[in-house]
């Protein structure tokens, strides 16, 4: 299979022009994609380290280059005028961080109601350094019976990395430890914040 090809079951979005635009934006900054998408119709894609606003730009460029439809959630302030309609066009849904558990249930319901659904988010939940990752992505994946795709930004090598997938076992502490271990040593734009 061609590296980072969009495979049969993955939800698609865009066309040749949007894919070429995504690839061109990555190349313009010297970045490249590495890895492959899983041949799954539903999965939760998490990305780390998230230390800069540039992560959003490189992430959206990668999504366009791959031609994959990704739904993501972000803090409600990102959706204010004039950017709100554009953020929604890119697949975003605003949330208020105080909503907690209700968000997980809403996303699981949305995933079960569609044949194809990719949820993309950052487990850090912010660009600042955090001691503990948010676990909502894990609960969504577990309740929806979906794998977790581990993706990353490597600013040192200028790579948007895709894969591997991780199947949640229900042993959250052990699983979160394994997931965090995968990200150890990844170089964010601001390493001290990861």
N, C-alpha and C. Protein backbone atom coordinates (compact mmCIF):
# COMPACT_ATOMS: atom_id res chain seq x y z
N UNK A 1 0.85 -1.19 0.00
CA UNK A 1 0.00 0.00 0.00
C UNK A 1 0.89 1.24 0.00
N UNK A 2 0.49 2.24 -0.75
CA UNK A 2 1.22 3.51 -0.80
C UNK A 2 1.23 4.16 0.58
N UNK A 3 2.38 4.70 1.02
CA UNK A 3 2.43 5.35 2.33
C UNK A 3 1.36 6.42 2.48
N UNK A 4 0.78 6.47 3.66
CA UNK A 4 -0.27 7.40 4.05
C UNK A 4 -1.41 7.52 3.03
N UNK A 5 -1.73 6.42 2.33
CA UNK A 5 -2.87 6.43 1.42
C UNK A 5 -4.16 6.35 2.21
N UNK A 6 -5.19 6.99 1.71
CA UNK A 6 -6.51 6.86 2.33
C UNK A 6 -7.10 5.55 1.84
N UNK A 7 -7.42 4.68 2.75
CA UNK A 7 -7.88 3.35 2.39
C UNK A 7 -9.40 3.29 2.37
N UNK A 8 -9.94 2.15 1.91
CA UNK A 8 -11.36 2.00 1.60
C UNK A 8 -12.35 2.45 2.67
N UNK A 9 -12.13 2.07 3.92
CA UNK A 9 -13.16 2.29 4.93
C UNK A 9 -13.06 3.65 5.63
N UNK A 10 -11.97 4.35 5.45
CA UNK A 10 -11.75 5.63 6.12
C UNK A 10 -12.68 6.69 5.52
N UNK A 11 -13.36 7.49 6.36
CA UNK A 11 -14.23 8.55 5.82
C UNK A 11 -13.42 9.57 5.03
N UNK A 12 -13.87 9.86 3.84
CA UNK A 12 -13.13 10.76 2.95
C UNK A 12 -13.74 12.15 2.92
N UNK A 13 -12.87 13.08 2.53
CA UNK A 13 -13.31 14.45 2.37
C UNK A 13 -12.40 15.11 1.34
N UNK A 14 -12.98 16.00 0.55
CA UNK A 14 -12.17 16.76 -0.39
C UNK A 14 -12.02 16.09 -1.74
N UNK A 15 -11.06 16.59 -2.50
CA UNK A 15 -10.81 16.12 -3.86
C UNK A 15 -9.32 16.26 -4.17
N UNK A 16 -8.95 16.07 -5.43
CA UNK A 16 -7.54 16.16 -5.80
C UNK A 16 -6.95 17.52 -5.45
N UNK A 17 -7.72 18.57 -5.68
CA UNK A 17 -7.21 19.92 -5.41
C UNK A 17 -6.95 20.13 -3.92
N UNK A 18 -7.88 19.71 -3.07
CA UNK A 18 -7.68 19.91 -1.63
C UNK A 18 -6.53 19.05 -1.12
N UNK A 19 -6.39 17.82 -1.66
CA UNK A 19 -5.26 16.97 -1.25
C UNK A 19 -3.94 17.59 -1.71
N UNK A 20 -3.90 18.10 -2.93
CA UNK A 20 -2.68 18.74 -3.43
C UNK A 20 -2.35 19.99 -2.62
N UNK A 21 -3.37 20.73 -2.22
CA UNK A 21 -3.15 21.93 -1.41
C UNK A 21 -2.56 21.56 -0.05
N UNK A 22 -3.10 20.53 0.59
CA UNK A 22 -2.57 20.06 1.87
C UNK A 22 -1.12 19.63 1.76
N UNK A 23 -0.80 18.85 0.72
CA UNK A 23 0.58 18.42 0.51
C UNK A 23 1.50 19.61 0.24
N UNK A 24 1.01 20.57 -0.56
CA UNK A 24 1.82 21.76 -0.88
C UNK A 24 2.11 22.58 0.37
N UNK A 25 1.12 22.73 1.25
CA UNK A 25 1.33 23.50 2.48
C UNK A 25 2.38 22.84 3.37
N UNK A 26 2.33 21.52 3.47
CA UNK A 26 3.34 20.81 4.26
C UNK A 26 4.72 20.98 3.63
N UNK A 27 4.81 20.79 2.31
CA UNK A 27 6.11 20.92 1.62
C UNK A 27 6.66 22.33 1.73
N UNK A 28 5.79 23.33 1.66
CA UNK A 28 6.22 24.72 1.75
C UNK A 28 7.01 24.98 3.03
N UNK A 29 6.62 24.31 4.11
CA UNK A 29 7.30 24.49 5.40
C UNK A 29 8.33 23.38 5.67
N UNK A 30 8.55 22.51 4.68
CA UNK A 30 9.55 21.46 4.83
C UNK A 30 9.08 20.24 5.60
N UNK A 31 7.76 20.09 5.76
CA UNK A 31 7.20 18.97 6.51
C UNK A 31 6.81 17.84 5.57
N UNK A 32 6.66 16.64 6.17
CA UNK A 32 6.19 15.48 5.41
C UNK A 32 5.32 14.60 6.30
N UNK A 33 4.52 13.77 5.65
CA UNK A 33 3.69 12.78 6.35
C UNK A 33 4.46 11.47 6.43
N UNK A 34 4.26 10.76 7.52
CA UNK A 34 4.90 9.46 7.68
C UNK A 34 3.91 8.52 8.35
N UNK A 35 3.75 7.32 7.79
CA UNK A 35 2.85 6.33 8.36
C UNK A 35 1.61 6.14 7.52
N UNK A 36 0.68 5.34 8.03
CA UNK A 36 -0.54 5.00 7.29
C UNK A 36 -1.75 5.07 8.20
N UNK A 37 -2.87 5.40 7.57
CA UNK A 37 -4.15 5.37 8.28
C UNK A 37 -4.62 3.93 8.41
N UNK A 38 -5.31 3.60 9.50
CA UNK A 38 -5.86 2.25 9.62
C UNK A 38 -7.07 2.10 8.69
N UNK A 39 -7.30 0.91 8.19
CA UNK A 39 -8.45 0.67 7.32
C UNK A 39 -9.68 0.42 8.19
N UNK A 40 -10.10 1.45 8.88
CA UNK A 40 -11.24 1.37 9.81
C UNK A 40 -12.20 2.51 9.49
N UNK A 41 -13.47 2.26 9.67
CA UNK A 41 -14.47 3.29 9.40
C UNK A 41 -14.66 4.23 10.58
N UNK A 42 -14.25 3.80 11.76
CA UNK A 42 -14.37 4.63 12.96
C UNK A 42 -13.12 4.47 13.82
N UNK A 43 -12.58 5.60 14.24
CA UNK A 43 -11.48 5.56 15.20
C UNK A 43 -11.32 6.94 15.84
N UNK A 44 -10.60 6.96 16.93
CA UNK A 44 -10.28 8.19 17.64
C UNK A 44 -8.81 8.47 17.40
N UNK A 45 -8.50 9.60 16.77
CA UNK A 45 -7.12 9.97 16.48
C UNK A 45 -6.67 11.02 17.49
N UNK A 46 -5.63 10.69 18.26
CA UNK A 46 -5.10 11.68 19.20
C UNK A 46 -3.75 12.16 18.69
N UNK A 47 -3.43 13.41 19.01
CA UNK A 47 -2.19 14.02 18.56
C UNK A 47 -1.48 14.69 19.71
N UNK A 48 -0.18 14.45 19.79
CA UNK A 48 0.67 15.11 20.78
C UNK A 48 2.07 15.18 20.17
N UNK A 49 2.95 15.97 20.64
CA UNK A 49 2.70 17.03 21.61
C UNK A 49 1.96 18.21 20.98
N UNK A 50 1.16 18.87 21.79
CA UNK A 50 0.41 20.05 21.34
C UNK A 50 0.95 21.24 22.15
N UNK A 51 1.91 21.95 21.56
CA UNK A 51 2.59 23.03 22.29
C UNK A 51 2.53 24.38 21.58
N UNK A 52 1.87 24.42 20.41
CA UNK A 52 1.90 25.64 19.61
C UNK A 52 0.64 25.76 18.75
N UNK A 53 0.28 26.98 18.40
CA UNK A 53 -0.81 27.19 17.45
C UNK A 53 -0.47 26.62 16.08
N UNK A 54 0.80 26.49 15.76
CA UNK A 54 1.22 25.91 14.49
C UNK A 54 0.76 24.45 14.35
N UNK A 55 0.55 23.77 15.46
CA UNK A 55 0.08 22.38 15.41
C UNK A 55 -1.22 22.28 14.62
N UNK A 56 -2.10 23.24 14.84
CA UNK A 56 -3.39 23.24 14.14
C UNK A 56 -3.16 23.35 12.64
N UNK A 57 -2.29 24.26 12.23
CA UNK A 57 -2.01 24.46 10.80
C UNK A 57 -1.46 23.17 10.17
N UNK A 58 -0.45 22.57 10.81
CA UNK A 58 0.14 21.35 10.25
C UNK A 58 -0.83 20.18 10.30
N UNK A 59 -1.65 20.14 11.35
CA UNK A 59 -2.65 19.08 11.46
C UNK A 59 -3.71 19.17 10.37
N UNK A 60 -4.24 20.37 10.15
CA UNK A 60 -5.26 20.56 9.10
C UNK A 60 -4.64 20.30 7.73
N UNK A 61 -3.40 20.75 7.51
CA UNK A 61 -2.73 20.48 6.23
C UNK A 61 -2.61 18.97 6.00
N UNK A 62 -2.26 18.21 7.05
CA UNK A 62 -2.15 16.76 6.93
C UNK A 62 -3.52 16.13 6.63
N UNK A 63 -4.56 16.60 7.30
CA UNK A 63 -5.91 16.08 7.06
C UNK A 63 -6.32 16.30 5.60
N UNK A 64 -6.06 17.51 5.09
CA UNK A 64 -6.38 17.79 3.69
C UNK A 64 -5.53 16.93 2.76
N UNK A 65 -4.22 16.79 3.04
CA UNK A 65 -3.33 15.98 2.20
C UNK A 65 -3.80 14.53 2.13
N UNK A 66 -4.31 14.02 3.24
CA UNK A 66 -4.77 12.64 3.29
C UNK A 66 -6.17 12.45 2.71
N UNK A 67 -6.91 13.55 2.60
CA UNK A 67 -8.28 13.45 2.08
C UNK A 67 -9.21 12.72 3.03
N UNK A 68 -8.97 12.86 4.33
CA UNK A 68 -9.78 12.17 5.33
C UNK A 68 -10.67 13.17 6.04
N UNK A 69 -11.88 12.75 6.36
CA UNK A 69 -12.78 13.61 7.12
C UNK A 69 -12.55 13.35 8.60
N UNK A 70 -12.22 14.41 9.32
CA UNK A 70 -11.98 14.31 10.76
C UNK A 70 -12.87 15.32 11.47
N UNK A 71 -13.61 14.84 12.44
CA UNK A 71 -14.39 15.72 13.31
C UNK A 71 -13.55 15.96 14.55
N UNK A 72 -13.53 17.19 15.02
CA UNK A 72 -12.73 17.51 16.20
C UNK A 72 -13.50 18.47 17.09
N UNK A 73 -13.09 18.50 18.35
CA UNK A 73 -13.71 19.41 19.30
C UNK A 73 -12.66 20.41 19.76
N UNK A 74 -13.11 21.60 20.06
CA UNK A 74 -12.21 22.64 20.52
C UNK A 74 -12.93 23.58 21.47
N UNK A 75 -12.14 24.34 22.23
CA UNK A 75 -12.77 25.27 23.17
C UNK A 75 -13.63 26.28 22.41
N UNK A 76 -14.74 26.62 23.01
CA UNK A 76 -15.76 27.45 22.35
C UNK A 76 -15.21 28.79 21.86
N UNK A 77 -14.16 29.30 22.47
CA UNK A 77 -13.63 30.60 22.07
C UNK A 77 -13.02 30.56 20.66
N UNK A 78 -12.64 29.38 20.18
CA UNK A 78 -12.11 29.26 18.82
C UNK A 78 -13.18 29.50 17.77
N UNK A 79 -14.44 29.43 18.18
CA UNK A 79 -15.55 29.47 17.23
C UNK A 79 -16.26 30.83 17.20
N UNK A 80 -15.64 31.83 17.78
CA UNK A 80 -16.21 33.17 17.74
C UNK A 80 -16.05 33.76 16.34
N UNK A 81 -16.88 34.75 16.05
CA UNK A 81 -16.79 35.46 14.79
C UNK A 81 -15.43 36.13 14.70
N UNK A 82 -14.74 36.17 13.61
CA UNK A 82 -15.16 35.72 12.28
C UNK A 82 -14.76 34.29 11.94
N UNK A 83 -14.07 33.60 12.87
CA UNK A 83 -13.51 32.28 12.56
C UNK A 83 -14.47 31.12 12.73
N UNK A 84 -15.57 31.32 13.44
CA UNK A 84 -16.49 30.22 13.73
C UNK A 84 -16.93 29.40 12.53
N UNK A 85 -17.49 30.03 11.48
CA UNK A 85 -17.92 29.25 10.32
C UNK A 85 -16.78 28.46 9.67
N UNK A 86 -15.61 29.06 9.61
CA UNK A 86 -14.45 28.38 9.02
C UNK A 86 -14.05 27.18 9.86
N UNK A 87 -14.03 27.32 11.19
CA UNK A 87 -13.68 26.22 12.07
C UNK A 87 -14.68 25.07 11.94
N UNK A 88 -15.96 25.40 11.80
CA UNK A 88 -16.97 24.35 11.62
C UNK A 88 -16.78 23.67 10.26
N UNK A 89 -16.45 24.43 9.23
CA UNK A 89 -16.17 23.87 7.90
C UNK A 89 -15.02 22.86 7.99
N UNK A 90 -14.04 23.14 8.83
CA UNK A 90 -12.89 22.24 8.98
C UNK A 90 -13.20 21.00 9.82
N UNK A 91 -14.43 20.91 10.34
CA UNK A 91 -14.84 19.73 11.11
C UNK A 91 -14.95 19.96 12.60
N UNK A 92 -14.81 21.22 13.02
CA UNK A 92 -14.81 21.53 14.45
C UNK A 92 -16.19 21.65 15.07
N UNK A 93 -16.26 21.29 16.33
CA UNK A 93 -17.45 21.45 17.15
C UNK A 93 -17.02 22.11 18.45
N UNK A 94 -17.65 23.25 18.81
CA UNK A 94 -17.24 23.93 20.04
C UNK A 94 -17.75 23.22 21.29
N UNK A 95 -16.92 23.24 22.34
CA UNK A 95 -17.35 22.73 23.64
C UNK A 95 -16.92 23.71 24.72
N UNK A 96 -17.65 23.68 25.81
CA UNK A 96 -17.26 24.41 27.00
C UNK A 96 -16.59 23.40 27.91
N UNK A 97 -15.41 23.67 28.36
CA UNK A 97 -14.61 22.68 29.11
C UNK A 97 -15.29 22.19 30.38
N UNK A 98 -16.25 22.92 30.91
CA UNK A 98 -16.90 22.51 32.15
C UNK A 98 -17.96 21.44 31.91
N UNK A 99 -18.24 21.10 30.65
CA UNK A 99 -19.31 20.14 30.35
C UNK A 99 -18.96 18.70 30.74
N UNK A 100 -17.67 18.35 30.77
CA UNK A 100 -17.20 17.05 31.25
C UNK A 100 -17.85 15.84 30.64
N UNK A 101 -18.43 15.00 31.48
CA UNK A 101 -18.97 13.70 31.07
C UNK A 101 -19.99 13.77 29.94
N UNK A 102 -20.79 14.81 29.91
CA UNK A 102 -21.81 14.92 28.86
C UNK A 102 -21.22 14.93 27.47
N UNK A 103 -20.01 15.46 27.31
CA UNK A 103 -19.36 15.52 26.01
C UNK A 103 -19.04 14.12 25.52
N UNK A 104 -18.51 13.27 26.39
CA UNK A 104 -18.18 11.89 26.01
C UNK A 104 -19.43 11.18 25.51
N UNK A 105 -20.52 11.28 26.24
CA UNK A 105 -21.77 10.62 25.83
C UNK A 105 -22.27 11.14 24.49
N UNK A 106 -22.17 12.45 24.28
CA UNK A 106 -22.62 13.03 23.01
C UNK A 106 -21.78 12.52 21.83
N UNK A 107 -20.47 12.43 22.03
CA UNK A 107 -19.61 11.96 20.94
C UNK A 107 -19.85 10.49 20.65
N UNK A 108 -20.00 9.68 21.69
CA UNK A 108 -20.28 8.25 21.50
C UNK A 108 -21.59 8.08 20.74
N UNK A 109 -22.59 8.87 21.10
CA UNK A 109 -23.88 8.81 20.39
C UNK A 109 -23.72 9.21 18.93
N UNK A 110 -22.95 10.26 18.67
CA UNK A 110 -22.71 10.71 17.29
C UNK A 110 -21.98 9.63 16.49
N UNK A 111 -21.01 8.97 17.12
CA UNK A 111 -20.27 7.91 16.43
C UNK A 111 -21.16 6.73 16.11
N UNK A 112 -22.03 6.37 17.05
CA UNK A 112 -22.90 5.21 16.81
C UNK A 112 -23.96 5.51 15.75
N UNK A 113 -24.28 6.78 15.55
CA UNK A 113 -25.30 7.16 14.58
C UNK A 113 -24.78 7.33 13.16
N UNK A 114 -23.46 7.15 12.95
CA UNK A 114 -22.89 7.31 11.62
C UNK A 114 -22.08 6.09 11.24
N UNK A 115 -22.06 5.79 9.95
CA UNK A 115 -21.29 4.64 9.46
C UNK A 115 -19.79 4.89 9.50
N UNK A 116 -19.39 6.15 9.31
CA UNK A 116 -17.98 6.53 9.30
C UNK A 116 -17.79 7.72 10.23
N UNK A 117 -16.78 7.63 11.10
CA UNK A 117 -16.55 8.74 12.03
C UNK A 117 -15.12 8.68 12.55
N UNK A 118 -14.38 9.75 12.33
CA UNK A 118 -13.04 9.88 12.91
C UNK A 118 -13.07 11.10 13.81
N UNK A 119 -12.73 10.90 15.06
CA UNK A 119 -12.64 12.00 16.01
C UNK A 119 -11.17 12.30 16.21
N UNK A 120 -10.80 13.57 16.04
CA UNK A 120 -9.42 13.98 16.25
C UNK A 120 -9.32 14.98 17.39
N UNK A 121 -8.36 14.79 18.29
CA UNK A 121 -8.18 15.74 19.39
C UNK A 121 -6.83 15.55 20.04
N UNK A 122 -6.51 16.49 20.91
CA UNK A 122 -5.27 16.43 21.67
C UNK A 122 -5.60 16.04 23.11
N UNK A 123 -4.98 14.98 23.63
CA UNK A 123 -5.28 14.58 25.01
C UNK A 123 -4.78 15.58 26.04
N UNK A 124 -3.87 16.46 25.64
CA UNK A 124 -3.39 17.47 26.58
C UNK A 124 -4.46 18.52 26.84
N UNK A 125 -5.30 18.78 25.84
CA UNK A 125 -6.40 19.72 25.99
C UNK A 125 -5.99 21.17 25.99
N UNK A 126 -4.71 21.45 25.86
CA UNK A 126 -4.20 22.82 25.87
C UNK A 126 -2.79 22.80 25.31
N UNK A 127 -2.28 23.99 24.98
CA UNK A 127 -0.90 24.09 24.49
C UNK A 127 0.09 24.20 25.65
N UNK A 128 -0.40 24.42 26.86
CA UNK A 128 0.47 24.56 28.02
C UNK A 128 0.84 23.20 28.58
N UNK A 129 1.91 23.18 29.37
CA UNK A 129 2.33 21.93 30.02
C UNK A 129 1.27 21.48 31.02
N UNK A 130 0.94 20.20 30.98
CA UNK A 130 -0.02 19.63 31.93
C UNK A 130 0.61 18.41 32.59
N UNK A 131 0.23 18.16 33.82
CA UNK A 131 0.74 16.99 34.53
C UNK A 131 -0.05 15.73 34.21
N UNK A 132 -1.29 15.93 33.79
CA UNK A 132 -2.18 14.79 33.54
C UNK A 132 -3.00 15.04 32.29
N UNK A 133 -3.02 14.06 31.38
CA UNK A 133 -3.80 14.18 30.17
C UNK A 133 -5.28 13.99 30.47
N UNK A 134 -6.10 14.61 29.67
CA UNK A 134 -7.54 14.37 29.75
C UNK A 134 -7.81 12.96 29.21
N UNK A 135 -8.80 12.30 29.76
CA UNK A 135 -9.06 10.91 29.37
C UNK A 135 -10.34 10.73 28.56
N UNK A 136 -10.98 11.82 28.21
CA UNK A 136 -12.23 11.71 27.44
C UNK A 136 -12.06 10.90 26.17
N UNK A 137 -10.95 11.09 25.45
CA UNK A 137 -10.72 10.35 24.21
C UNK A 137 -10.72 8.84 24.46
N UNK A 138 -10.16 8.44 25.60
CA UNK A 138 -10.08 7.02 25.95
C UNK A 138 -11.48 6.46 26.19
N UNK A 139 -12.29 7.20 26.94
CA UNK A 139 -13.66 6.75 27.24
C UNK A 139 -14.51 6.70 25.98
N UNK A 140 -14.32 7.66 25.08
CA UNK A 140 -15.05 7.64 23.80
C UNK A 140 -14.68 6.38 23.03
N UNK A 141 -13.39 6.13 22.88
CA UNK A 141 -12.94 4.96 22.12
C UNK A 141 -13.46 3.67 22.74
N UNK A 142 -13.34 3.56 24.04
CA UNK A 142 -13.77 2.34 24.74
C UNK A 142 -15.27 2.11 24.57
N UNK A 143 -16.07 3.16 24.81
CA UNK A 143 -17.52 3.00 24.73
C UNK A 143 -18.01 2.81 23.30
N UNK A 144 -17.29 3.36 22.33
CA UNK A 144 -17.69 3.22 20.92
C UNK A 144 -17.10 1.98 20.28
N UNK A 145 -16.23 1.27 20.99
CA UNK A 145 -15.60 0.08 20.43
C UNK A 145 -14.65 0.43 19.29
N UNK A 146 -13.99 1.59 19.40
CA UNK A 146 -13.11 2.07 18.34
C UNK A 146 -11.66 2.08 18.82
N UNK A 147 -10.72 1.85 17.90
CA UNK A 147 -9.31 1.95 18.28
C UNK A 147 -8.88 3.41 18.40
N UNK A 148 -7.74 3.61 19.01
CA UNK A 148 -7.15 4.94 19.15
C UNK A 148 -5.94 5.00 18.21
N UNK A 149 -5.97 5.93 17.27
CA UNK A 149 -4.84 6.14 16.36
C UNK A 149 -3.91 7.16 17.00
N UNK A 150 -2.66 6.77 17.19
CA UNK A 150 -1.67 7.65 17.80
C UNK A 150 -0.95 8.43 16.69
N UNK A 151 -1.14 9.74 16.68
CA UNK A 151 -0.47 10.59 15.70
C UNK A 151 0.37 11.61 16.46
N UNK A 152 1.34 12.19 15.77
CA UNK A 152 2.24 13.09 16.48
C UNK A 152 2.84 14.13 15.55
N UNK A 153 3.32 15.20 16.18
CA UNK A 153 4.11 16.23 15.52
C UNK A 153 5.55 16.07 15.98
N UNK A 154 6.48 16.03 15.04
CA UNK A 154 7.89 16.01 15.37
C UNK A 154 8.52 17.23 14.71
N UNK A 155 8.67 18.30 15.49
CA UNK A 155 9.21 19.55 14.95
C UNK A 155 10.69 19.43 14.62
N UNK A 156 11.40 18.55 15.29
CA UNK A 156 12.82 18.38 15.02
C UNK A 156 13.05 17.83 13.62
N UNK A 157 12.26 16.83 13.25
CA UNK A 157 12.39 16.19 11.93
C UNK A 157 11.35 16.70 10.93
N UNK A 158 10.44 17.55 11.38
CA UNK A 158 9.35 18.10 10.56
C UNK A 158 8.49 16.99 9.95
N UNK A 159 7.95 16.19 10.84
CA UNK A 159 7.11 15.05 10.45
C UNK A 159 5.76 15.14 11.15
N UNK A 160 4.70 14.88 10.40
CA UNK A 160 3.40 14.57 10.98
C UNK A 160 3.31 13.05 10.89
N UNK A 161 3.38 12.39 12.03
CA UNK A 161 3.41 10.93 12.07
C UNK A 161 2.03 10.34 12.29
N UNK A 162 1.76 9.25 11.60
CA UNK A 162 0.45 8.59 11.66
C UNK A 162 0.65 7.13 12.06
N UNK A 163 0.04 6.74 13.17
CA UNK A 163 0.08 5.36 13.60
C UNK A 163 1.14 5.14 14.65
N UNK A 164 1.02 4.08 15.37
CA UNK A 164 0.14 2.93 15.22
C UNK A 164 -1.24 3.14 15.87
N UNK A 165 -2.07 2.10 15.81
CA UNK A 165 -3.34 2.15 16.52
C UNK A 165 -3.18 1.40 17.84
N UNK A 166 -4.04 1.78 18.78
CA UNK A 166 -4.02 1.20 20.12
C UNK A 166 -5.44 0.79 20.46
N UNK A 167 -5.62 -0.46 20.86
CA UNK A 167 -6.94 -0.95 21.25
C UNK A 167 -7.09 -0.81 22.77
N UNK A 168 -8.01 0.03 23.25
CA UNK A 168 -8.18 0.17 24.70
C UNK A 168 -8.68 -1.13 25.33
N UNK A 169 -8.10 -1.48 26.46
CA UNK A 169 -8.43 -2.75 27.12
C UNK A 169 -9.45 -2.58 28.24
N UNK A 170 -9.64 -1.33 28.69
CA UNK A 170 -10.49 -1.10 29.85
C UNK A 170 -9.67 -0.88 31.12
N UNK A 171 -8.39 -1.22 31.08
CA UNK A 171 -7.48 -0.95 32.20
C UNK A 171 -6.86 0.41 31.95
N UNK A 172 -7.58 1.46 32.32
CA UNK A 172 -7.22 2.82 31.91
C UNK A 172 -5.84 3.26 32.36
N UNK A 173 -5.45 2.98 33.58
CA UNK A 173 -4.13 3.43 34.04
C UNK A 173 -3.01 2.79 33.23
N UNK A 174 -3.13 1.49 33.01
CA UNK A 174 -2.11 0.78 32.24
C UNK A 174 -2.10 1.26 30.78
N UNK A 175 -3.28 1.41 30.20
CA UNK A 175 -3.37 1.86 28.81
C UNK A 175 -2.85 3.28 28.64
N UNK A 176 -3.22 4.19 29.55
CA UNK A 176 -2.76 5.57 29.44
C UNK A 176 -1.24 5.63 29.60
N UNK A 177 -0.69 4.79 30.45
CA UNK A 177 0.76 4.74 30.62
C UNK A 177 1.44 4.30 29.32
N UNK A 178 0.88 3.29 28.65
CA UNK A 178 1.44 2.81 27.38
C UNK A 178 1.33 3.88 26.29
N UNK A 179 0.21 4.57 26.26
CA UNK A 179 0.02 5.63 25.26
C UNK A 179 1.02 6.76 25.51
N UNK A 180 1.14 7.20 26.75
CA UNK A 180 2.10 8.27 27.06
C UNK A 180 3.52 7.85 26.73
N UNK A 181 3.84 6.59 26.94
CA UNK A 181 5.19 6.10 26.63
C UNK A 181 5.48 6.23 25.13
N UNK A 182 4.48 6.00 24.29
CA UNK A 182 4.67 6.15 22.84
C UNK A 182 5.12 7.58 22.51
N UNK A 183 4.60 8.55 23.24
CA UNK A 183 4.90 9.96 22.95
C UNK A 183 6.18 10.47 23.63
N UNK A 184 6.78 9.67 24.47
CA UNK A 184 8.00 10.12 25.16
C UNK A 184 9.08 10.43 24.12
N UNK A 185 9.68 11.60 24.26
CA UNK A 185 10.76 11.98 23.36
C UNK A 185 10.32 12.65 22.07
N UNK A 186 9.02 12.77 21.84
CA UNK A 186 8.55 13.48 20.64
C UNK A 186 8.83 14.97 20.81
N UNK A 187 9.27 15.60 19.76
CA UNK A 187 9.71 17.00 19.85
C UNK A 187 8.62 17.96 19.38
N UNK A 188 7.97 18.62 20.34
CA UNK A 188 7.01 19.67 20.02
C UNK A 188 7.74 20.95 19.67
N UNK A 189 6.99 21.93 19.21
CA UNK A 189 7.61 23.22 18.88
C UNK A 189 8.24 23.86 20.11
N UNK A 190 7.57 23.71 21.25
CA UNK A 190 8.10 24.22 22.52
C UNK A 190 8.24 23.02 23.48
N UNK A 191 9.38 22.33 23.41
CA UNK A 191 9.56 21.08 24.18
C UNK A 191 9.31 21.22 25.68
N UNK A 192 9.60 22.35 26.26
CA UNK A 192 9.40 22.52 27.71
C UNK A 192 7.93 22.48 28.11
N UNK A 193 7.04 22.63 27.14
CA UNK A 193 5.60 22.62 27.43
C UNK A 193 4.99 21.23 27.29
N UNK A 194 5.81 20.23 26.98
CA UNK A 194 5.29 18.88 26.81
C UNK A 194 5.83 17.99 27.91
